[in-house]
N, C-alpha and C. Protein backbone atom coordinates (compact mmCIF):
# COMPACT_ATOMS: atom_id res chain seq x y z
N MET A 1 24.89 -5.48 -23.28
CA MET A 1 24.03 -4.53 -23.60
C MET A 1 22.62 -4.90 -23.57
N SER A 2 21.37 -3.85 -23.74
CA SER A 2 20.16 -3.81 -23.76
C SER A 2 20.18 -3.69 -25.48
N LEU A 3 19.26 -4.79 -25.77
CA LEU A 3 19.17 -5.07 -27.44
C LEU A 3 17.72 -3.84 -27.89
N ASP A 4 17.40 -3.43 -26.60
CA ASP A 4 16.25 -2.51 -26.46
C ASP A 4 16.97 -1.31 -27.38
N PRO A 5 16.39 -0.62 -28.31
CA PRO A 5 16.84 0.81 -28.91
C PRO A 5 16.05 1.96 -28.27
N ASN A 6 15.47 2.03 -26.93
CA ASN A 6 14.76 2.79 -26.45
C ASN A 6 15.35 2.85 -24.56
N ALA A 7 15.86 1.71 -24.68
CA ALA A 7 16.51 1.48 -23.18
C ALA A 7 17.05 2.42 -22.84
N HIS A 8 18.03 2.78 -23.44
CA HIS A 8 19.15 4.38 -22.34
C HIS A 8 18.22 5.05 -22.76
N PHE A 9 17.25 5.76 -23.43
CA PHE A 9 16.37 6.91 -23.16
C PHE A 9 15.52 7.14 -21.98
N ASP A 10 14.52 5.34 -22.42
CA ASP A 10 13.73 5.57 -20.87
C ASP A 10 14.52 5.58 -19.61
N GLN A 11 15.89 4.80 -19.59
CA GLN A 11 16.75 5.19 -18.22
C GLN A 11 16.65 6.55 -17.83
N ALA A 12 16.86 7.49 -19.16
CA ALA A 12 17.33 8.68 -18.95
C ALA A 12 16.10 9.06 -18.55
N VAL A 13 14.77 9.45 -18.56
CA VAL A 13 13.48 9.69 -18.56
C VAL A 13 13.19 9.23 -16.80
N MET A 14 14.07 7.92 -16.49
CA MET A 14 13.20 7.65 -15.15
C MET A 14 14.38 8.52 -13.93
N GLU A 15 15.55 8.72 -14.38
CA GLU A 15 16.44 9.41 -13.79
C GLU A 15 16.15 11.17 -13.69
N MET A 16 15.24 11.73 -14.74
CA MET A 16 14.71 12.98 -14.74
C MET A 16 13.34 12.94 -13.82
N ILE A 17 12.79 11.94 -14.06
CA ILE A 17 11.73 11.43 -12.96
C ILE A 17 12.09 12.15 -11.09
N GLU A 18 13.01 10.97 -11.14
CA GLU A 18 14.07 11.14 -10.02
C GLU A 18 14.63 12.47 -9.07
N HIS A 19 14.74 12.90 -10.29
CA HIS A 19 15.76 14.36 -9.51
C HIS A 19 14.89 15.28 -10.10
N SER A 20 13.61 15.38 -10.33
CA SER A 20 12.84 16.57 -10.17
C SER A 20 11.47 16.36 -9.09
N PRO A 21 11.81 17.61 -8.42
CA PRO A 21 11.05 17.82 -7.49
C PRO A 21 9.27 17.43 -7.35
N LEU A 22 9.10 17.79 -8.80
CA LEU A 22 7.43 17.50 -9.08
C LEU A 22 7.44 16.38 -9.71
N GLY A 23 8.91 15.33 -9.90
CA GLY A 23 8.13 14.00 -10.84
C GLY A 23 8.14 14.47 -12.21
N ALA A 24 8.44 15.67 -12.78
CA ALA A 24 7.66 16.10 -14.25
C ALA A 24 8.99 15.44 -15.20
N VAL A 25 8.06 15.52 -16.26
CA VAL A 25 9.06 15.08 -17.50
C VAL A 25 8.50 16.40 -18.65
N PRO A 26 9.13 16.36 -19.71
CA PRO A 26 8.62 18.10 -20.71
C PRO A 26 7.45 16.98 -21.50
N MET A 27 6.74 17.82 -22.04
CA MET A 27 5.87 17.15 -22.74
C MET A 27 5.81 16.64 -24.48
N THR A 28 6.77 16.67 -24.61
CA THR A 28 7.47 16.25 -26.23
C THR A 28 7.15 14.85 -26.53
N PRO A 29 6.59 15.00 -27.74
CA PRO A 29 6.21 13.26 -28.12
C PRO A 29 7.13 12.50 -27.65
N SER A 30 8.64 12.44 -27.68
CA SER A 30 9.77 11.24 -27.34
C SER A 30 9.04 11.00 -25.81
N TYR A 31 9.09 12.58 -24.98
CA TYR A 31 9.35 11.75 -23.52
C TYR A 31 7.93 11.12 -23.45
N GLN A 32 6.96 11.75 -23.64
CA GLN A 32 5.69 10.56 -23.41
C GLN A 32 5.42 9.45 -24.13
N ASP A 33 6.11 9.03 -25.16
CA ASP A 33 5.93 8.09 -25.58
C ASP A 33 7.23 6.76 -24.80
N ALA A 34 7.94 7.62 -23.81
CA ALA A 34 9.08 7.06 -22.87
C ALA A 34 8.05 6.65 -21.95
N LEU A 35 7.31 7.69 -21.37
CA LEU A 35 6.37 7.33 -20.45
C LEU A 35 5.51 6.37 -20.18
N LYS A 36 4.78 6.24 -21.66
CA LYS A 36 4.28 4.96 -22.02
C LYS A 36 4.86 3.56 -21.44
N ARG A 37 5.60 3.49 -22.64
CA ARG A 37 6.88 2.53 -21.93
C ARG A 37 7.00 2.40 -20.71
N LEU A 38 7.04 2.84 -19.94
CA LEU A 38 7.73 2.96 -18.62
C LEU A 38 6.89 2.36 -17.60
N TYR A 39 5.28 3.23 -17.84
CA TYR A 39 4.11 2.98 -17.03
C TYR A 39 3.79 0.97 -17.39
N ALA A 40 3.39 0.86 -18.79
CA ALA A 40 3.63 -0.42 -19.08
C ALA A 40 4.31 -1.50 -18.85
N ALA A 41 5.25 -0.89 -18.36
CA ALA A 41 6.26 -1.74 -17.45
C ALA A 41 6.34 -1.92 -16.10
N HIS A 42 5.08 -1.22 -15.59
CA HIS A 42 5.31 -1.03 -14.02
C HIS A 42 6.90 -0.33 -13.45
N GLN A 43 7.39 0.52 -14.39
CA GLN A 43 8.29 1.05 -14.12
C GLN A 43 8.29 2.46 -13.58
N VAL A 44 6.93 3.20 -13.48
CA VAL A 44 6.81 4.59 -13.08
C VAL A 44 5.28 4.69 -13.12
N TYR A 45 5.14 5.02 -12.19
CA TYR A 45 3.41 5.56 -11.58
C TYR A 45 3.09 6.90 -11.19
N ALA A 46 2.31 7.10 -11.39
CA ALA A 46 1.67 8.20 -11.04
C ALA A 46 1.46 8.64 -9.73
N SER A 47 2.40 10.15 -9.35
CA SER A 47 2.35 10.42 -8.28
C SER A 47 1.40 11.14 -7.33
N ALA A 48 1.46 10.35 -6.33
CA ALA A 48 0.27 10.69 -5.12
C ALA A 48 0.35 12.26 -4.73
N ASP A 49 1.77 12.16 -4.97
CA ASP A 49 2.15 14.33 -4.22
C ASP A 49 2.20 14.99 -5.20
N HIS A 50 2.37 15.09 -6.22
CA HIS A 50 2.16 15.77 -7.39
C HIS A 50 1.34 15.72 -8.57
N LYS A 51 0.20 16.73 -8.82
CA LYS A 51 -0.49 16.27 -10.02
C LYS A 51 0.32 16.48 -11.33
N GLY A 52 0.37 15.07 -11.77
CA GLY A 52 0.94 15.31 -13.34
C GLY A 52 2.24 14.69 -13.43
N GLY A 53 2.62 14.51 -11.78
CA GLY A 53 4.12 13.97 -11.89
C GLY A 53 3.91 12.80 -11.51
N HIS A 54 5.23 11.92 -11.85
CA HIS A 54 5.25 10.65 -11.98
C HIS A 54 6.35 10.58 -10.72
N VAL A 55 6.34 8.80 -10.52
CA VAL A 55 7.31 8.41 -9.25
C VAL A 55 7.77 7.24 -10.03
N THR A 56 9.00 6.84 -9.62
CA THR A 56 9.65 5.55 -10.33
C THR A 56 9.63 4.34 -9.52
N ALA A 57 9.22 3.07 -9.62
CA ALA A 57 9.13 2.37 -8.78
C ALA A 57 10.30 2.09 -7.71
N ARG A 58 11.71 2.19 -8.45
CA ARG A 58 12.83 1.87 -8.15
C ARG A 58 13.06 2.75 -6.85
N SER A 59 12.55 4.28 -7.05
CA SER A 59 12.41 5.18 -5.60
C SER A 59 11.65 4.75 -4.79
N LEU A 60 10.42 4.17 -4.98
CA LEU A 60 9.36 3.40 -3.80
C LEU A 60 10.05 2.20 -2.93
N ALA A 61 11.00 1.58 -4.08
CA ALA A 61 11.06 0.54 -3.33
C ALA A 61 12.37 0.52 -2.30
N LYS A 62 12.84 1.80 -2.04
CA LYS A 62 13.39 2.08 -0.82
C LYS A 62 12.30 2.50 0.07
N LEU A 63 11.48 2.97 0.06
CA LEU A 63 10.56 3.03 1.35
C LEU A 63 10.06 2.04 1.98
N PRO A 64 9.81 2.13 3.28
CA PRO A 64 9.55 1.01 4.57
C PRO A 64 8.27 0.44 4.24
N PRO A 65 7.50 -0.72 4.13
CA PRO A 65 6.18 -0.82 4.53
C PRO A 65 5.85 -0.65 6.22
N PHE A 66 4.66 -0.61 6.57
CA PHE A 66 3.93 -0.51 7.81
C PHE A 66 3.05 -1.51 8.18
N HIS A 67 3.30 -2.07 9.56
CA HIS A 67 2.64 -3.01 9.80
C HIS A 67 2.76 -3.05 11.53
N ALA A 68 1.75 -4.00 11.86
CA ALA A 68 1.67 -4.07 13.25
C ALA A 68 3.19 -4.59 13.74
N ASN A 69 4.04 -4.19 14.71
CA ASN A 69 5.26 -4.73 14.75
C ASN A 69 5.22 -5.66 15.74
N ASN A 70 4.27 -6.26 16.07
CA ASN A 70 4.52 -7.63 16.45
C ASN A 70 3.67 -8.63 16.06
N LEU A 71 3.56 -8.21 14.44
CA LEU A 71 2.81 -9.14 13.71
C LEU A 71 3.42 -10.57 13.47
N GLU A 72 4.93 -10.34 13.42
CA GLU A 72 5.42 -11.49 13.52
C GLU A 72 5.20 -12.87 14.65
N ALA A 73 5.20 -12.00 15.59
CA ALA A 73 5.35 -12.75 16.93
C ALA A 73 3.70 -13.21 17.06
N LEU A 74 2.73 -12.79 16.38
CA LEU A 74 1.04 -13.19 16.29
C LEU A 74 1.47 -14.27 15.48
N ILE A 75 2.06 -14.41 14.20
CA ILE A 75 2.03 -15.20 13.57
C ILE A 75 2.68 -16.80 13.93
N ALA A 76 4.03 -16.29 14.50
CA ALA A 76 4.75 -17.44 15.40
C ALA A 76 3.67 -18.05 16.54
N GLY A 77 2.53 -17.62 17.02
CA GLY A 77 1.62 -17.86 18.17
C GLY A 77 2.21 -17.42 19.19
N GLN A 78 3.19 -16.45 19.50
CA GLN A 78 3.63 -15.84 20.85
C GLN A 78 2.60 -14.88 21.38
N ILE A 79 1.73 -14.17 20.61
CA ILE A 79 0.94 -13.55 21.24
C ILE A 79 -0.56 -13.62 20.95
N ALA A 80 -1.52 -12.98 21.36
CA ALA A 80 -3.17 -13.52 21.12
C ALA A 80 -3.11 -12.05 19.71
N ALA A 81 -4.22 -12.46 18.88
CA ALA A 81 -4.53 -11.22 17.84
C ALA A 81 -4.30 -9.72 18.80
N GLU A 82 -5.24 -9.76 19.96
CA GLU A 82 -5.86 -8.93 20.39
C GLU A 82 -4.49 -7.80 21.19
N ALA A 83 -3.59 -8.53 20.80
CA ALA A 83 -2.39 -7.75 21.53
C ALA A 83 -1.66 -7.00 20.74
N LEU A 84 -2.17 -6.95 19.20
CA LEU A 84 -1.39 -6.37 18.27
C LEU A 84 -0.96 -5.09 18.04
N GLU A 85 -0.02 -4.33 17.94
CA GLU A 85 -0.31 -2.74 18.03
C GLU A 85 -1.13 -2.78 17.29
N SER A 86 -1.80 -1.16 17.69
CA SER A 86 -2.80 -0.69 17.43
C SER A 86 -2.98 -0.02 15.71
N ASN A 87 -4.35 -0.10 15.00
CA ASN A 87 -4.19 0.57 13.62
C ASN A 87 -3.90 2.16 14.13
N ALA A 88 -4.35 2.33 14.97
CA ALA A 88 -3.64 4.09 15.21
C ALA A 88 -2.21 4.40 15.34
N SER A 89 -1.47 3.44 16.28
CA SER A 89 -0.44 3.45 16.11
C SER A 89 0.95 3.26 14.97
N ILE A 90 0.14 2.46 14.04
CA ILE A 90 0.57 2.11 12.74
C ILE A 90 0.95 2.94 12.00
N PHE A 91 -0.62 4.03 11.86
CA PHE A 91 -0.34 4.98 11.03
C PHE A 91 0.29 6.00 11.72
N ASP A 92 0.71 6.37 13.07
CA ASP A 92 1.27 7.39 13.66
C ASP A 92 2.67 7.17 12.69
N ARG A 93 2.98 6.22 13.31
CA ARG A 93 4.33 5.35 12.25
C ARG A 93 4.82 6.05 10.84
N TYR A 94 3.68 5.37 9.99
CA TYR A 94 3.60 6.40 8.64
C TYR A 94 3.60 7.60 8.57
N VAL A 95 2.91 8.41 9.13
CA VAL A 95 2.74 9.91 9.19
C VAL A 95 3.92 10.29 9.44
N GLN A 96 4.78 10.14 10.29
CA GLN A 96 6.05 10.40 11.15
C GLN A 96 7.30 10.33 10.06
N SER A 97 6.99 9.03 8.94
CA SER A 97 8.39 8.48 8.16
C SER A 97 8.06 9.58 7.08
N LEU A 98 7.29 10.57 6.53
CA LEU A 98 6.91 11.19 5.55
C LEU A 98 7.62 12.88 5.83
N PRO A 99 7.60 13.05 4.66
CA PRO A 99 8.41 14.83 4.29
C PRO A 99 7.29 15.65 5.39
N SER A 100 7.63 16.79 6.27
CA SER A 100 6.82 17.33 6.90
C SER A 100 6.11 18.03 6.00
N VAL A 101 6.21 18.29 5.31
CA VAL A 101 4.94 19.09 4.09
C VAL A 101 4.40 18.08 4.01
N ARG A 102 4.23 16.92 4.13
CA ARG A 102 3.28 16.00 3.51
C ARG A 102 2.11 15.07 4.57
N ARG A 103 2.91 15.78 5.72
CA ARG A 103 2.12 14.76 6.81
C ARG A 103 0.68 15.28 6.93
N ALA A 104 0.53 16.78 7.00
CA ALA A 104 -0.94 17.38 7.13
C ALA A 104 -1.93 16.50 6.27
N ALA A 105 -1.51 16.36 4.90
CA ALA A 105 -2.26 15.51 4.06
C ALA A 105 -2.67 13.82 4.54
N ALA A 106 -1.50 13.52 5.10
CA ALA A 106 -1.65 12.29 5.44
C ALA A 106 -2.80 12.04 6.87
N GLU A 107 -2.86 12.98 7.48
CA GLU A 107 -3.42 13.14 8.36
C GLU A 107 -4.83 13.53 8.27
N SER A 108 -4.96 13.60 7.18
CA SER A 108 -6.40 14.05 6.85
C SER A 108 -7.21 13.13 6.45
N ARG A 109 -6.48 12.11 6.05
CA ARG A 109 -7.25 10.70 5.80
C ARG A 109 -7.21 9.30 7.22
N ARG A 110 -6.60 10.16 8.16
CA ARG A 110 -6.56 8.80 9.41
C ARG A 110 -7.85 8.74 9.37
N VAL A 111 -9.05 8.95 9.69
CA VAL A 111 -9.98 8.22 10.04
C VAL A 111 -10.46 7.22 8.79
N VAL A 112 -10.36 7.93 7.18
CA VAL A 112 -10.56 6.47 6.54
C VAL A 112 -9.92 5.47 6.29
N VAL A 113 -8.83 5.81 6.90
CA VAL A 113 -7.56 4.72 6.51
C VAL A 113 -7.69 3.52 8.26
N VAL A 114 -7.82 4.56 9.22
CA VAL A 114 -7.92 3.62 10.57
C VAL A 114 -9.49 3.28 11.21
N GLY A 115 -9.90 4.18 10.99
CA GLY A 115 -11.19 3.74 11.49
C GLY A 115 -11.56 4.80 12.71
N ARG A 116 -13.02 4.78 12.74
CA ARG A 116 -13.53 5.55 14.05
C ARG A 116 -12.76 5.04 15.40
N PRO A 117 -12.29 5.26 16.52
CA PRO A 117 -12.51 4.62 17.66
C PRO A 117 -13.66 4.08 18.25
N VAL A 118 -13.64 2.93 18.47
CA VAL A 118 -14.88 2.32 19.59
C VAL A 118 -14.79 3.03 21.05
N LEU A 119 -15.98 3.51 21.03
CA LEU A 119 -16.08 4.64 22.34
C LEU A 119 -16.87 3.62 23.47
N HIS A 120 -17.81 2.72 23.00
CA HIS A 120 -18.81 1.99 23.92
C HIS A 120 -18.77 0.54 23.46
N ARG A 121 -18.29 -0.15 24.38
CA ARG A 121 -18.66 -1.68 23.76
C ARG A 121 -19.23 -2.77 25.13
N ALA A 122 -20.26 -3.36 24.94
CA ALA A 122 -20.80 -3.74 25.84
C ALA A 122 -19.96 -5.07 26.44
N LYS A 123 -19.82 -4.85 28.23
CA LYS A 123 -19.16 -5.95 28.72
C LYS A 123 -19.04 -7.30 27.53
N GLY A 124 -17.72 -7.76 27.95
CA GLY A 124 -17.67 -9.24 27.09
C GLY A 124 -17.41 -9.59 25.70
N THR A 125 -18.00 -8.20 25.31
CA THR A 125 -18.08 -8.49 23.63
C THR A 125 -16.41 -8.14 23.03
N HIS A 126 -16.22 -8.55 21.73
CA HIS A 126 -15.10 -8.33 21.28
C HIS A 126 -15.05 -7.95 19.97
N ASP A 127 -14.36 -6.74 19.38
CA ASP A 127 -14.57 -6.40 17.93
C ASP A 127 -13.75 -7.32 17.19
N PRO A 128 -13.91 -7.64 15.77
CA PRO A 128 -13.31 -8.69 15.20
C PRO A 128 -11.78 -8.05 15.02
N ILE A 129 -11.31 -8.84 14.74
CA ILE A 129 -9.49 -8.30 14.64
C ILE A 129 -9.28 -7.54 13.12
N HIS A 130 -8.86 -6.72 13.10
CA HIS A 130 -8.67 -5.84 12.12
C HIS A 130 -7.23 -5.27 11.97
N THR A 131 -6.58 -5.48 11.38
CA THR A 131 -4.86 -4.38 11.56
C THR A 131 -4.43 -4.62 10.31
N LEU A 132 -3.94 -2.85 10.48
CA LEU A 132 -3.60 -2.46 9.17
C LEU A 132 -2.20 -2.39 8.62
N PHE A 133 -2.00 -2.41 7.09
CA PHE A 133 -0.92 -2.45 6.83
C PHE A 133 -0.64 -1.32 5.69
N LEU A 134 0.13 -1.01 5.28
CA LEU A 134 0.71 0.28 4.40
C LEU A 134 1.74 -0.19 3.35
N VAL A 135 1.84 -0.13 2.22
CA VAL A 135 2.72 -0.35 1.50
C VAL A 135 2.91 0.38 0.05
N PRO A 136 4.18 0.94 -0.08
CA PRO A 136 4.41 1.78 -1.16
C PRO A 136 3.93 0.92 -2.52
N GLY A 137 3.47 1.91 -3.36
CA GLY A 137 2.60 1.53 -4.68
C GLY A 137 1.29 2.18 -5.41
N THR A 138 0.99 1.66 -6.19
CA THR A 138 -0.18 2.65 -6.78
C THR A 138 -1.35 1.79 -7.20
N GLY A 139 -2.58 2.26 -7.73
CA GLY A 139 -3.76 1.48 -7.94
C GLY A 139 -4.32 2.11 -9.04
N PRO A 140 -5.41 2.11 -9.61
CA PRO A 140 -6.34 2.62 -10.47
C PRO A 140 -6.17 4.12 -10.54
N HIS A 141 -5.70 4.61 -9.36
CA HIS A 141 -5.45 6.00 -8.80
C HIS A 141 -4.40 5.79 -7.87
N PRO A 142 -3.68 7.07 -7.85
CA PRO A 142 -2.76 6.95 -6.77
C PRO A 142 -2.94 6.75 -5.66
N GLY A 143 -1.96 6.75 -4.92
CA GLY A 143 -1.85 6.32 -3.05
C GLY A 143 -2.03 7.49 -2.30
N LEU A 144 -1.93 7.11 -0.82
CA LEU A 144 -1.65 8.36 -0.35
C LEU A 144 -0.84 9.13 -0.46
N PRO A 145 -0.35 10.29 0.88
CA PRO A 145 0.82 10.85 0.53
C PRO A 145 2.12 9.85 0.82
N GLY A 146 3.08 9.79 -0.16
CA GLY A 146 4.08 9.50 0.28
C GLY A 146 4.08 8.02 -1.02
N ASN A 147 2.99 8.01 -1.68
CA ASN A 147 2.69 6.96 -2.64
C ASN A 147 2.50 6.01 -1.96
N TYR A 148 1.57 5.63 -0.95
CA TYR A 148 1.53 4.35 -0.16
C TYR A 148 0.29 3.94 -0.36
N LEU A 149 -0.25 2.70 -0.60
CA LEU A 149 -1.37 1.57 -0.80
C LEU A 149 -1.32 1.40 1.08
N TYR A 150 -3.00 1.62 1.61
CA TYR A 150 -3.09 0.90 2.84
C TYR A 150 -4.62 -0.37 2.55
N GLY A 151 -4.00 -1.29 3.58
CA GLY A 151 -5.20 -2.14 3.78
C GLY A 151 -5.28 -2.90 5.25
N SER A 152 -6.17 -4.18 5.25
CA SER A 152 -6.37 -4.46 6.47
C SER A 152 -6.28 -5.78 5.99
N ALA A 153 -5.94 -7.04 7.07
CA ALA A 153 -6.52 -8.23 7.48
C ALA A 153 -7.40 -7.90 8.41
N LEU A 154 -8.61 -8.48 7.80
CA LEU A 154 -10.00 -8.22 8.76
C LEU A 154 -10.73 -9.70 9.03
N GLN A 155 -10.81 -9.95 10.28
CA GLN A 155 -11.85 -11.10 10.59
C GLN A 155 -13.49 -10.64 10.18
N VAL A 156 -13.78 -11.40 9.97
CA VAL A 156 -15.07 -10.86 9.08
C VAL A 156 -15.97 -11.06 9.77
N SER A 157 -16.22 -11.78 10.95
CA SER A 157 -17.14 -11.77 12.11
C SER A 157 -16.51 -11.69 13.44
N ALA A 158 -17.13 -11.80 14.56
CA ALA A 158 -16.52 -12.07 15.87
C ALA A 158 -15.86 -13.00 15.94
N ASP A 159 -16.83 -14.02 15.44
CA ASP A 159 -16.21 -15.56 16.23
C ASP A 159 -15.31 -15.97 15.77
N ALA A 160 -14.07 -16.14 16.58
CA ALA A 160 -12.83 -16.02 16.43
C ALA A 160 -12.75 -17.62 15.76
N THR A 161 -13.16 -18.49 15.88
CA THR A 161 -13.39 -19.78 16.14
C THR A 161 -13.83 -20.46 13.90
N THR A 162 -14.64 -19.59 13.87
CA THR A 162 -15.50 -19.82 12.68
C THR A 162 -15.41 -18.56 11.64
N SER A 163 -14.72 -17.52 12.24
CA SER A 163 -14.69 -16.31 11.12
C SER A 163 -13.83 -16.37 9.80
N PRO A 164 -13.90 -16.42 8.64
CA PRO A 164 -13.34 -16.41 7.74
C PRO A 164 -12.53 -15.03 7.59
N TRP A 165 -11.65 -14.84 6.75
CA TRP A 165 -11.06 -13.35 7.16
C TRP A 165 -10.54 -12.77 5.61
N THR A 166 -10.46 -11.98 5.38
CA THR A 166 -10.20 -10.71 3.90
C THR A 166 -9.09 -10.04 4.25
N VAL A 167 -8.27 -10.05 2.88
CA VAL A 167 -7.14 -9.33 3.31
C VAL A 167 -7.51 -8.01 2.01
N TYR A 168 -7.89 -6.68 2.43
CA TYR A 168 -8.20 -6.04 1.21
C TYR A 168 -6.97 -4.61 1.07
N LEU A 169 -6.76 -4.23 0.19
CA LEU A 169 -5.76 -3.07 -0.23
C LEU A 169 -6.73 -2.05 -1.11
N HIS A 170 -6.51 -0.65 -0.68
CA HIS A 170 -6.96 0.45 -1.32
C HIS A 170 -6.03 1.26 -1.69
N ASP A 171 -6.30 2.15 -3.06
CA ASP A 171 -5.21 3.20 -3.19
C ASP A 171 -5.78 4.34 -2.67
N GLY A 172 -5.62 5.68 -3.13
CA GLY A 172 -6.30 6.81 -2.78
C GLY A 172 -7.51 7.45 -2.72
N ASP A 173 -8.21 6.45 -3.72
CA ASP A 173 -9.53 6.71 -4.13
C ASP A 173 -10.48 5.38 -4.14
N ASP A 174 -10.88 5.19 -4.93
CA ASP A 174 -11.78 3.92 -4.86
C ASP A 174 -11.49 2.86 -5.27
N GLY A 175 -9.72 2.48 -5.94
CA GLY A 175 -9.20 1.23 -6.15
C GLY A 175 -9.37 0.20 -4.87
N ALA A 176 -9.74 -0.78 -4.93
CA ALA A 176 -9.99 -1.65 -3.99
C ALA A 176 -9.48 -3.42 -4.31
N VAL A 177 -9.04 -4.15 -4.19
CA VAL A 177 -8.72 -5.67 -4.26
C VAL A 177 -9.21 -6.07 -3.06
N LEU A 178 -9.31 -7.26 -3.09
CA LEU A 178 -9.79 -8.26 -1.73
C LEU A 178 -9.09 -9.70 -2.19
N PHE A 179 -8.60 -9.81 -1.01
CA PHE A 179 -8.56 -11.95 -1.17
C PHE A 179 -9.16 -12.49 0.13
N ASP A 180 -9.92 -13.15 -0.30
CA ASP A 180 -10.73 -14.00 1.02
C ASP A 180 -10.20 -15.14 1.85
N THR A 181 -10.12 -15.64 2.62
CA THR A 181 -9.51 -16.81 2.82
C THR A 181 -10.35 -17.38 4.14
N PRO A 182 -10.26 -18.49 4.50
CA PRO A 182 -11.01 -19.10 5.59
C PRO A 182 -9.91 -18.88 6.95
N THR A 183 -9.14 -18.86 7.00
CA THR A 183 -7.92 -18.94 8.57
C THR A 183 -7.63 -17.40 8.49
N MET A 184 -6.98 -17.04 9.62
CA MET A 184 -6.14 -16.11 10.08
C MET A 184 -4.90 -16.10 9.72
N HIS A 185 -4.18 -17.83 9.56
CA HIS A 185 -2.81 -17.82 9.20
C HIS A 185 -2.74 -17.51 7.57
N GLU A 186 -3.64 -17.61 7.01
CA GLU A 186 -3.45 -17.97 5.48
C GLU A 186 -3.44 -16.29 5.34
N ALA A 187 -4.10 -15.48 5.88
CA ALA A 187 -4.68 -13.91 5.60
C ALA A 187 -3.42 -13.34 6.09
N LEU A 188 -2.78 -13.77 6.91
CA LEU A 188 -1.80 -12.78 7.50
C LEU A 188 -0.17 -13.03 6.68
N ALA A 189 -0.66 -14.56 6.58
CA ALA A 189 0.63 -15.23 5.12
C ALA A 189 0.37 -14.18 3.75
N LYS A 190 -0.70 -14.29 3.88
CA LYS A 190 -1.13 -13.06 2.33
C LYS A 190 -0.22 -11.78 2.60
N VAL A 191 -1.04 -11.10 3.98
CA VAL A 191 -0.26 -9.76 3.93
C VAL A 191 1.05 -9.77 3.69
N GLN A 192 2.21 -10.62 4.39
CA GLN A 192 3.43 -10.43 4.05
C GLN A 192 3.87 -10.73 2.89
N GLU A 193 2.93 -11.69 2.06
CA GLU A 193 3.45 -11.74 0.37
C GLU A 193 3.28 -10.40 -0.35
N VAL A 194 2.29 -9.79 0.70
CA VAL A 194 2.08 -8.32 -0.66
C VAL A 194 3.19 -7.09 -0.04
N MET A 195 3.78 -7.02 1.26
CA MET A 195 4.44 -6.35 1.64
C MET A 195 6.10 -6.88 0.78
N GLU A 196 6.19 -8.28 0.78
CA GLU A 196 7.54 -8.58 -0.26
C GLU A 196 7.15 -8.35 -1.31
N CYS A 197 6.08 -8.16 -2.13
CA CYS A 197 5.81 -7.71 -2.99
C CYS A 197 5.75 -6.25 -3.32
N ALA A 198 6.15 -5.40 -2.54
CA ALA A 198 6.26 -3.84 -2.89
C ALA A 198 7.28 -3.50 -3.35
N PRO A 199 7.12 -2.48 -4.25
CA PRO A 199 6.39 -1.42 -4.80
C PRO A 199 5.45 -2.22 -6.09
N PHE A 200 4.56 -1.93 -5.97
CA PHE A 200 3.45 -2.45 -7.45
C PHE A 200 2.50 -1.67 -7.77
N ASN A 201 1.84 -1.97 -8.75
CA ASN A 201 0.31 -1.81 -9.03
C ASN A 201 -0.54 -2.58 -8.42
N MET A 202 -1.88 -2.12 -8.30
CA MET A 202 -2.58 -3.39 -7.55
C MET A 202 -3.41 -4.02 -8.65
N ASN A 203 -3.26 -4.07 -9.87
CA ASN A 203 -3.54 -4.79 -10.91
C ASN A 203 -2.75 -6.28 -10.88
N GLU A 204 -1.32 -5.72 -10.50
CA GLU A 204 -0.37 -6.84 -10.57
C GLU A 204 -0.61 -7.73 -9.57
N LEU A 205 -1.82 -7.82 -8.60
CA LEU A 205 -2.00 -8.59 -7.04
C LEU A 205 -2.66 -9.55 -7.85
N GLU A 206 -3.70 -9.51 -9.10
CA GLU A 206 -4.65 -10.50 -9.54
C GLU A 206 -3.43 -12.19 -9.60
N THR A 207 -2.26 -11.66 -9.93
CA THR A 207 -1.44 -13.26 -9.98
C THR A 207 -1.65 -13.98 -9.03
N ILE A 208 -1.35 -13.09 -7.45
CA ILE A 208 -1.52 -13.73 -6.17
C ILE A 208 -2.58 -13.78 -5.54
N GLY A 209 -3.58 -13.69 -6.41
CA GLY A 209 -5.27 -14.52 -6.15
C GLY A 209 -6.02 -13.08 -5.14
N PHE A 210 -5.56 -12.08 -5.47
CA PHE A 210 -6.20 -10.80 -5.38
C PHE A 210 -7.80 -10.88 -6.29
N ARG A 211 -8.76 -9.90 -6.17
CA ARG A 211 -9.55 -9.79 -7.16
C ARG A 211 -10.61 -8.40 -7.03
N PHE A 212 -10.56 -7.88 -7.76
CA PHE A 212 -10.84 -6.35 -7.66
C PHE A 212 -12.50 -6.15 -7.40
N LYS A 213 -12.39 -5.21 -6.50
CA LYS A 213 -13.62 -5.28 -5.84
C LYS A 213 -15.08 -4.59 -7.09
């Protein structure tokens, strides 16, 4: 049995959030005090889907992350980086995972998350590798529809042999954290570590080497 006198009530508040279609709780002082405790403990986050609503970390823990479906093959050296699943395809899978009422809102963020397609490229030139991933969580602001953060492992320059890499992660607004590394292997290992940590608040990633932009 927990020695925390608030534990039973806080547990009831989390259950209330999970059973509310809006993630809402009463505005009375006792409930608001419980929310403050749960936010401080990273057990509850602001909902990305309902303004003024909340979502529990344990409900987000049931959601899948999204990344290139052949990322492990790249890490194992079985494919070239250019063969990774496209960012547009990864984003498609994320959208399809959402309830139908959330999909239009997610689609409205496609260009921001995926980027615009390259329409013309000089012969023999290659774009730096940029592979998308999405994980459940929050940041200084709520995430994308479904309570997802989005990021990429990015080859900083076009020269694959010398280019450093950056892993970045964004919330649904201007919150962003970065992790810089000299190699692709270290960047992709960090992506895997982030996905294993989810769900989380972005400020928790400072403990694994990320910095706020």
